[in-house]
Protein backbone atom coordinates (compact mmCIF):
# COMPACT_ATOMS: atom_id res chain seq x y z
CA UNK A 1 109.47 115.14 92.86
CA UNK A 2 108.86 118.67 93.02
CA UNK A 3 108.37 120.98 90.31
CA UNK A 4 111.31 122.54 88.64
CA UNK A 5 111.64 126.28 88.63
CA UNK A 6 111.92 127.31 85.24
CA UNK A 7 113.84 130.84 83.96
CA UNK A 8 113.91 131.83 81.08
CA UNK A 9 117.12 133.32 78.83
CA UNK A 10 116.14 136.69 77.65
CA UNK A 11 116.92 135.56 74.12
CA UNK A 12 114.47 133.07 74.80
CA UNK A 13 111.97 135.65 75.86
CA UNK A 14 112.43 137.98 72.88
CA UNK A 15 111.91 134.46 70.60
CA UNK A 16 108.49 134.38 72.30
CA UNK A 17 107.33 137.78 71.63
CA UNK A 18 108.69 137.58 68.60
CA UNK A 19 106.52 134.41 67.55
CA UNK A 20 103.51 135.82 69.38
CA UNK A 21 103.39 138.70 67.22
CA UNK A 22 103.90 136.62 64.41
CA UNK A 23 101.12 134.45 65.09
CA UNK A 24 99.23 137.54 65.94
CA UNK A 25 99.51 138.81 62.48
CA UNK A 26 97.57 135.77 61.37
CA UNK A 27 94.82 136.20 64.00
CA UNK A 28 94.03 135.61 67.63
CA UNK A 29 93.10 131.81 67.37
CA UNK A 30 96.96 131.60 66.12
CA UNK A 31 98.19 133.41 68.61
CA UNK A 32 96.05 131.89 71.58
CA UNK A 33 96.99 128.68 70.44
CA UNK A 34 100.83 129.29 69.99
CA UNK A 35 100.61 130.46 73.85
CA UNK A 36 98.90 127.60 75.00
CA UNK A 37 101.36 125.41 73.43
CA UNK A 38 104.07 126.83 75.02
CA UNK A 39 102.53 126.96 78.37
CA UNK A 40 101.99 123.34 77.87
CA UNK A 41 105.95 123.03 77.18
CA UNK A 42 106.40 124.32 80.29
CA UNK A 43 104.29 123.08 82.53
CA UNK A 44 105.78 119.23 81.25
CA UNK A 45 109.17 120.35 81.55
CA UNK A 46 108.61 121.66 84.53
CA UNK A 47 106.96 118.66 86.16
CA UNK A 48 109.30 115.66 84.19
CA UNK A 49 112.54 118.08 82.96
CA UNK A 50 114.64 114.78 82.56
CA UNK A 51 111.68 112.97 80.31
CA UNK A 52 112.39 114.37 77.25
CA UNK A 53 115.98 113.58 75.46
CA UNK A 54 119.62 114.72 75.30
CA UNK A 55 120.45 117.19 73.01
CA UNK A 56 123.31 119.38 71.83
CA UNK A 57 125.80 121.22 74.10
CA UNK A 58 124.14 119.06 77.31
CA UNK A 59 120.79 120.33 76.51
CA UNK A 60 117.38 118.65 76.43
CA UNK A 61 114.73 119.60 73.73
CA UNK A 62 110.98 119.46 74.24
CA UNK A 63 109.11 119.38 70.80
CA UNK A 64 105.65 121.55 70.29
CA UNK A 65 103.28 119.05 68.79
CA UNK A 66 101.44 121.83 67.11
CA UNK A 67 103.98 124.59 66.03
CA UNK A 68 107.32 124.42 64.57
CA UNK A 69 109.00 125.19 67.80
CA UNK A 70 111.01 123.56 70.09
CA UNK A 71 112.20 123.91 73.99
CA UNK A 72 115.90 123.95 74.07
CA UNK A 73 116.44 123.92 78.12
CA UNK A 74 119.42 122.63 80.55
CA UNK A 75 118.72 121.43 83.85
CA UNK A 76 120.42 122.22 86.63
CA UNK A 77 120.34 119.68 89.69
CA UNK A 78 116.81 118.60 88.95
CA UNK A 79 115.40 122.02 90.31
CA UNK A 80 116.04 124.17 88.13
CA UNK A 81 115.53 124.82 84.15
CA UNK A 82 116.83 127.73 82.51
CA UNK A 83 115.15 127.62 78.76
CA UNK A 84 117.89 128.41 76.33
CA UNK A 85 115.69 128.88 73.73
CA UNK A 86 112.54 128.78 71.90
CA UNK A 87 113.72 127.84 68.72
CA UNK A 88 111.69 127.77 65.11
CA UNK A 89 112.46 124.01 63.92
CA UNK A 90 112.86 125.34 60.14
CA UNK A 91 115.19 127.77 60.52
CA UNK A 92 118.76 128.75 61.95
CA UNK A 93 120.27 125.56 63.37
CA UNK A 94 122.13 125.67 66.43
CA UNK A 95 121.96 129.41 66.62
CA UNK A 96 121.23 129.10 70.31
CA UNK A 97 124.55 127.28 71.27
CA UNK A 98 126.25 130.18 72.69
CA UNK A 99 123.89 130.51 75.08
CA UNK A 100 125.17 127.75 76.62
CA UNK A 101 128.16 129.57 77.95
CA UNK A 102 126.21 131.75 80.20
């Protein structure tokens, strides 16, 4: 199967930048680790978007292994994946649900 194309919701991009800034303040190693984990998540989802379980509001979720974040995404026809949130798992639950209406 061909790799799916990944696009990020504008708010998901802001979440990535916010997390990077927070980890950067902790040190370059922390930031680099977060970015590596994010890149790994995106690669895994792009190569097999249906591998991860169904989640809320017709989404799927990839849970990061080392950081308290999840990639919440929706698959469109197997060819396009839209990342709706890079959600911190210990903060405001389901805040991203309104993004599923875009």
